[in-house]
Amino acid sequence: MKTFLFWNLNKKPLIDNIVSLTQFYDVDVLMFCEWNIVIADLLNALNADGKGSYYYIPGNCEKIKIFTKFPNEFIKPVFESDRLTIRHITLPGSDSILLAVIHFVDKYNWDDDSQNAECYNLAETIKETELRLGHSRTVLVGDLNMNPFQAGVIMANGLHAVMTKKIASSMSRKVQQKEYKFFYNPMWNLLGDHFPGVPGTYYLRQGVHKVYFWNMLDQVLIRPELLDNFRVEDLEIVEFDGKVSLLNSQGYPNKKQYSDHLPIKFTLAI
């Protein structure tokens, strides 16, 4: 099993917290957005005292930074834009996967309709990359700046991300004779307060009529081909970095000391 962790850092220099997270959860792949850290400083901290063996995986997508425990030749960029990087992970002795990491356009500058329309472009980019690489063993992870129930996430011509493995396992469905492949969105499992832990990755209270309070902006979506490699039990919104809580005294993300987003962690059998 490999452990993956994504975190929107809110441009904070959270080196100590990142090191604590990697050690506490034994993270294999670290993914970040809203980055404001000197890469060499984090690498030195991750690999200090022989505690880690991390590599920085360079790319042309400036909004995403990736660090892994395996060298560059095993995780190569196959598509990059300003906000999206797709890496082909080809570890010896296992099937390759496509890891797509994104910092999607935000709600402050894009309304829901515009975000939904942009989801079509994202879905097409992923599909074209899958066709070019010859497989659909794809994981999409990052700050989607949308909730799992927003139209762009669930629409067939958007990300087409559904809430159950059973639906996703049917692989695709047709609308007007056109085939649309599914993603499985396990983040639905973490919405609400039925299970222990926070019910979202981002909290926002506003003096307007429509407020969700907790939002699930940071998500991981899994193609049907990888359902057997993914354990929903290992999916977690991370509140504790191994040393300190990332929440404030009210139980919301401590954006003054850390980030306004909480990290998400998941595992894949690759």
Protein backbone atom coordinates (compact mmCIF):
# COMPACT_ATOMS: atom_id res chain seq x y z
CA MET A 1 0.00 0.00 0.00
CA LYS A 2 1.13 3.52 -0.78
CA THR A 3 -0.09 6.49 1.25
CA PHE A 4 -0.97 9.75 -0.51
CA LEU A 5 -1.55 13.12 1.16
CA PHE A 6 -2.81 16.36 -0.38
CA TRP A 7 -2.86 19.74 1.36
CA ASN A 8 -3.71 23.28 0.32
CA LEU A 9 -1.13 25.14 2.42
CA ASN A 10 -2.75 28.58 2.17
CA LYS A 11 0.74 29.93 1.31
CA LYS A 12 1.96 29.19 4.85
CA PRO A 13 5.53 27.93 5.56
CA LEU A 14 4.30 24.78 7.31
CA ILE A 15 7.49 22.74 7.06
CA ASP A 16 7.35 21.38 10.62
CA ASN A 17 3.75 20.25 10.17
CA ILE A 18 4.51 18.59 6.84
CA VAL A 19 7.43 16.67 8.34
CA SER A 20 5.24 15.57 11.26
CA LEU A 21 2.52 14.40 8.88
CA THR A 22 4.92 12.38 6.72
CA GLN A 23 6.44 10.65 9.74
CA PHE A 24 3.17 10.02 11.59
CA TYR A 25 1.28 8.66 8.57
CA ASP A 26 4.30 7.25 6.68
CA VAL A 27 3.32 9.18 3.54
CA ASP A 28 4.72 8.02 0.19
CA VAL A 29 3.37 10.80 -2.06
CA LEU A 30 2.98 14.41 -0.90
CA MET A 31 0.97 16.85 -3.02
CA PHE A 32 0.53 20.56 -2.30
CA CYS A 33 -1.08 23.69 -3.70
CA GLU A 34 -0.91 27.35 -2.62
CA TRP A 35 2.78 26.79 -2.15
CA ASN A 36 5.17 29.32 -0.55
CA ILE A 37 8.10 27.22 0.68
CA VAL A 38 11.66 26.93 -0.65
CA ILE A 39 11.79 23.42 -2.12
CA ALA A 40 15.29 22.72 -0.80
CA ASP A 41 14.23 23.69 2.74
CA LEU A 42 11.42 21.16 2.77
CA LEU A 43 13.59 18.43 1.23
CA ASN A 44 16.28 19.01 3.85
CA ALA A 45 13.70 18.80 6.61
CA LEU A 46 12.05 15.68 5.21
CA ASN A 47 15.35 13.88 4.82
CA ALA A 48 17.06 15.14 7.99
CA ASP A 49 18.69 12.61 10.30
CA GLY A 50 17.97 9.78 7.91
CA LYS A 51 14.26 9.85 8.77
CA GLY A 52 13.10 9.99 5.15
CA SER A 53 14.18 9.52 1.57
CA TYR A 54 12.04 11.98 -0.35
CA TYR A 55 12.52 13.37 -3.85
CA TYR A 56 11.04 16.51 -5.36
CA ILE A 57 9.30 15.67 -8.63
CA PRO A 58 9.65 18.74 -10.88
CA GLY A 59 7.10 19.83 -13.45
CA ASN A 60 5.77 22.83 -15.34
CA CYS A 61 2.59 23.24 -13.29
CA GLU A 62 3.60 25.98 -10.87
CA LYS A 63 0.48 25.67 -8.71
CA ILE A 64 1.19 22.04 -7.75
CA LYS A 65 4.23 20.63 -5.95
CA ILE A 66 4.84 16.89 -5.57
CA PHE A 67 7.31 15.01 -3.37
CA THR A 68 7.62 11.23 -3.26
CA LYS A 69 9.63 8.39 -1.77
CA PHE A 70 10.43 7.07 -5.24
CA PRO A 71 12.75 8.68 -7.79
CA ASN A 72 11.74 10.86 -10.74
CA GLU A 73 11.95 8.09 -13.34
CA PHE A 74 8.92 6.40 -11.75
CA ILE A 75 6.58 9.42 -11.82
CA LYS A 76 6.79 11.42 -15.03
CA PRO A 77 4.56 14.30 -16.22
CA VAL A 78 2.35 13.38 -19.18
CA PHE A 79 0.17 16.52 -19.17
CA GLU A 80 0.58 19.88 -17.48
CA SER A 81 -1.20 23.20 -17.46
CA ASP A 82 -1.34 26.16 -15.09
CA ARG A 83 -3.55 24.33 -12.58
CA LEU A 84 -3.30 20.63 -13.47
CA THR A 85 -0.51 18.12 -13.58
CA ILE A 86 -1.00 14.48 -14.62
CA ARG A 87 1.82 12.12 -13.68
CA HIS A 88 2.32 8.55 -14.92
CA ILE A 89 3.42 6.40 -11.97
CA THR A 90 5.24 3.28 -13.17
CA LEU A 91 6.57 1.43 -10.15
CA PRO A 92 8.39 -1.87 -10.83
CA GLY A 93 6.22 -4.95 -10.42
CA SER A 94 2.86 -3.14 -10.45
CA ASP A 95 0.39 -1.72 -12.94
CA SER A 96 0.99 1.91 -13.79
CA ILE A 97 -1.49 4.58 -12.71
CA LEU A 98 -2.26 8.14 -13.73
CA LEU A 99 -2.14 10.62 -10.84
CA ALA A 100 -3.91 13.87 -11.72
CA VAL A 101 -3.42 16.68 -9.18
CA ILE A 102 -5.35 19.92 -9.49
CA HIS A 103 -5.95 23.31 -7.94
CA PHE A 104 -9.24 24.12 -9.67
CA VAL A 105 -10.57 27.62 -10.33
CA ASP A 106 -12.04 29.22 -7.20
CA LYS A 107 -15.51 30.47 -6.30
CA TYR A 108 -14.32 34.02 -5.63
CA ASN A 109 -13.54 34.57 -9.30
CA TRP A 110 -15.73 31.93 -10.97
CA ASP A 111 -19.46 31.46 -10.37
CA ASP A 112 -21.02 27.98 -10.26
CA ASP A 113 -22.00 28.00 -13.93
CA SER A 114 -18.47 28.89 -15.02
CA GLN A 115 -16.94 26.25 -12.74
CA ASN A 116 -19.34 23.64 -14.10
CA ALA A 117 -18.41 24.55 -17.67
CA GLU A 118 -14.69 24.32 -16.84
CA CYS A 119 -15.27 20.82 -15.42
CA TYR A 120 -16.10 19.71 -18.97
CA ASN A 121 -12.64 20.84 -20.10
CA LEU A 122 -11.00 19.06 -17.15
CA ALA A 123 -12.88 15.84 -17.88
CA GLU A 124 -11.91 15.99 -21.56
CA THR A 125 -8.24 16.54 -20.69
CA ILE A 126 -8.23 13.50 -18.41
CA LYS A 127 -10.01 11.36 -21.01
CA GLU A 128 -7.61 12.40 -23.76
CA THR A 129 -4.61 11.62 -21.54
CA GLU A 130 -6.05 8.21 -20.70
CA LEU A 131 -6.56 7.44 -24.38
CA ARG A 132 -3.01 8.51 -25.18
CA LEU A 133 -1.51 6.39 -22.37
CA GLY A 134 -3.74 3.42 -23.13
CA HIS A 135 -5.42 2.92 -19.74
CA SER A 136 -7.85 4.52 -17.30
CA ARG A 137 -6.26 3.61 -13.97
CA THR A 138 -6.65 7.23 -12.90
CA VAL A 139 -6.83 9.09 -9.59
CA LEU A 140 -7.83 12.75 -9.51
CA VAL A 141 -6.95 14.56 -6.29
CA GLY A 142 -6.73 18.17 -5.20
CA ASP A 143 -8.58 21.31 -4.27
CA LEU A 144 -11.60 21.18 -6.56
CA ASN A 145 -13.08 24.35 -5.04
CA MET A 146 -16.45 22.58 -5.38
CA ASN A 147 -18.50 20.29 -3.19
CA PRO A 148 -19.18 16.67 -4.25
CA PHE A 149 -22.79 17.57 -5.03
CA GLN A 150 -22.03 20.51 -7.36
CA ALA A 151 -23.22 19.98 -10.93
CA GLY A 152 -19.75 20.05 -12.51
CA VAL A 153 -18.61 17.19 -10.28
CA ILE A 154 -21.62 14.95 -10.83
CA MET A 155 -22.74 15.73 -14.41
CA ALA A 156 -22.03 13.12 -17.06
CA ASN A 157 -20.14 15.60 -19.26
CA GLY A 158 -18.30 16.91 -16.19
CA LEU A 159 -16.31 14.73 -13.81
CA HIS A 160 -19.20 12.25 -13.52
CA ALA A 161 -18.21 11.38 -9.94
CA VAL A 162 -20.77 9.19 -8.15
CA MET A 163 -21.26 8.43 -4.47
CA THR A 164 -21.15 4.62 -4.43
CA LYS A 165 -18.70 1.97 -5.59
CA LYS A 166 -21.59 -0.10 -6.94
CA ILE A 167 -22.61 2.59 -9.41
CA ALA A 168 -19.00 3.38 -10.36
CA SER A 169 -18.24 -0.30 -10.93
CA SER A 170 -20.61 -0.30 -13.90
CA MET A 171 -17.80 1.72 -15.54
CA SER A 172 -19.87 4.20 -17.57
CA ARG A 173 -23.32 5.20 -18.76
CA LYS A 174 -24.79 6.62 -21.94
CA VAL A 175 -26.58 9.93 -22.38
CA GLN A 176 -28.02 10.54 -25.86
CA GLN A 177 -25.99 7.58 -27.18
CA LYS A 178 -22.71 9.06 -25.91
CA GLU A 179 -20.63 7.11 -23.38
CA TYR A 180 -19.44 8.81 -20.19
CA LYS A 181 -16.99 7.10 -17.85
CA PHE A 182 -17.51 7.26 -14.08
CA PHE A 183 -15.32 8.39 -11.24
CA TYR A 184 -16.05 7.11 -7.74
CA ASN A 185 -16.17 9.93 -5.17
CA PRO A 186 -15.59 8.49 -1.68
CA MET A 187 -15.74 11.94 -0.07
CA TRP A 188 -19.54 11.52 0.17
CA ASN A 189 -18.82 9.08 3.01
CA LEU A 190 -17.32 11.87 5.14
CA LEU A 191 -20.11 14.44 4.77
CA GLY A 192 -22.22 15.17 7.86
CA ASP A 193 -21.65 14.12 11.46
CA HIS A 194 -22.54 10.41 11.42
CA PHE A 195 -18.88 9.42 11.67
CA PRO A 196 -16.24 10.81 14.05
CA GLY A 197 -14.16 13.70 12.77
CA VAL A 198 -14.86 16.90 10.93
CA PRO A 199 -17.45 16.81 8.10
CA GLY A 200 -15.42 18.75 5.57
CA THR A 201 -12.02 20.17 4.63
CA TYR A 202 -12.96 23.88 4.63
CA TYR A 203 -15.25 25.90 6.90
CA LEU A 204 -16.96 29.15 5.93
CA ARG A 205 -19.71 30.97 7.82
CA GLN A 206 -21.32 33.94 6.05
CA GLY A 207 -24.21 36.30 6.71
CA VAL A 208 -26.17 35.19 3.65
CA HIS A 209 -29.11 32.82 3.20
CA LYS A 210 -27.30 29.95 1.44
CA VAL A 211 -24.46 28.67 3.62
CA TYR A 212 -23.10 25.12 3.88
CA PHE A 213 -20.72 25.98 6.77
CA TRP A 214 -18.57 22.87 6.17
CA ASN A 215 -17.42 22.29 2.58
CA MET A 216 -15.67 19.30 1.01
CA LEU A 217 -13.49 21.28 -1.40
CA ASP A 218 -10.53 18.90 -1.26
CA GLN A 219 -11.36 15.55 -2.82
CA VAL A 220 -10.00 12.34 -4.31
CA LEU A 221 -11.83 10.68 -7.21
CA ILE A 222 -11.11 7.10 -8.31
CA ARG A 223 -11.69 5.51 -11.71
CA PRO A 224 -13.53 2.13 -11.65
CA GLU A 225 -10.35 0.30 -12.74
CA LEU A 226 -8.78 1.18 -9.37
CA LEU A 227 -11.71 0.38 -7.07
CA ASP A 228 -10.07 -2.84 -5.89
CA ASN A 229 -6.89 -0.89 -5.09
CA PHE A 230 -8.67 1.68 -2.92
CA ARG A 231 -9.83 1.24 0.68
CA VAL A 232 -12.43 3.77 1.76
CA GLU A 233 -11.56 2.88 5.37
CA ASP A 234 -8.14 4.50 4.85
CA LEU A 235 -9.61 7.77 3.55
CA GLU A 236 -9.24 10.53 6.14
CA ILE A 237 -9.60 14.25 6.59
CA VAL A 238 -6.51 14.91 8.67
CA GLU A 239 -7.03 16.91 11.88
CA PHE A 240 -3.82 15.94 13.70
CA ASP A 241 -0.31 16.10 12.24
CA GLY A 242 1.22 13.70 14.75
CA LYS A 243 2.18 16.43 17.20
CA VAL A 244 -0.47 19.18 17.14
CA SER A 245 -4.11 19.61 16.15
CA LEU A 246 -4.77 21.48 12.92
CA LEU A 247 -8.09 22.70 14.39
CA ASN A 248 -8.76 25.74 16.54
CA SER A 249 -10.57 25.70 19.89
CA GLN A 250 -13.97 25.79 18.10
CA GLY A 251 -13.12 22.68 16.08
CA TYR A 252 -12.62 24.45 12.73
CA PRO A 253 -9.44 24.61 10.59
CA ASN A 254 -6.90 26.77 12.42
CA LYS A 255 -6.24 29.18 9.56
CA LYS A 256 -4.33 31.64 11.74
CA GLN A 257 -1.58 29.15 12.65
CA TYR A 258 -1.89 26.64 9.84
CA SER A 259 -4.13 26.48 6.75
CA ASP A 260 -7.78 27.24 6.09
CA HIS A 261 -7.92 23.80 4.44
CA LEU A 262 -7.36 20.44 6.12
CA PRO A 263 -5.25 17.77 4.41
CA ILE A 264 -6.78 14.60 2.98
CA LYS A 265 -5.06 11.22 3.12
CA PHE A 266 -5.78 7.97 1.26
CA THR A 267 -4.02 4.75 0.26
CA LEU A 268 -3.73 2.77 -2.95
CA ALA A 269 -2.50 -0.78 -3.40
CA ILE A 270 0.10 -0.23 -6.12
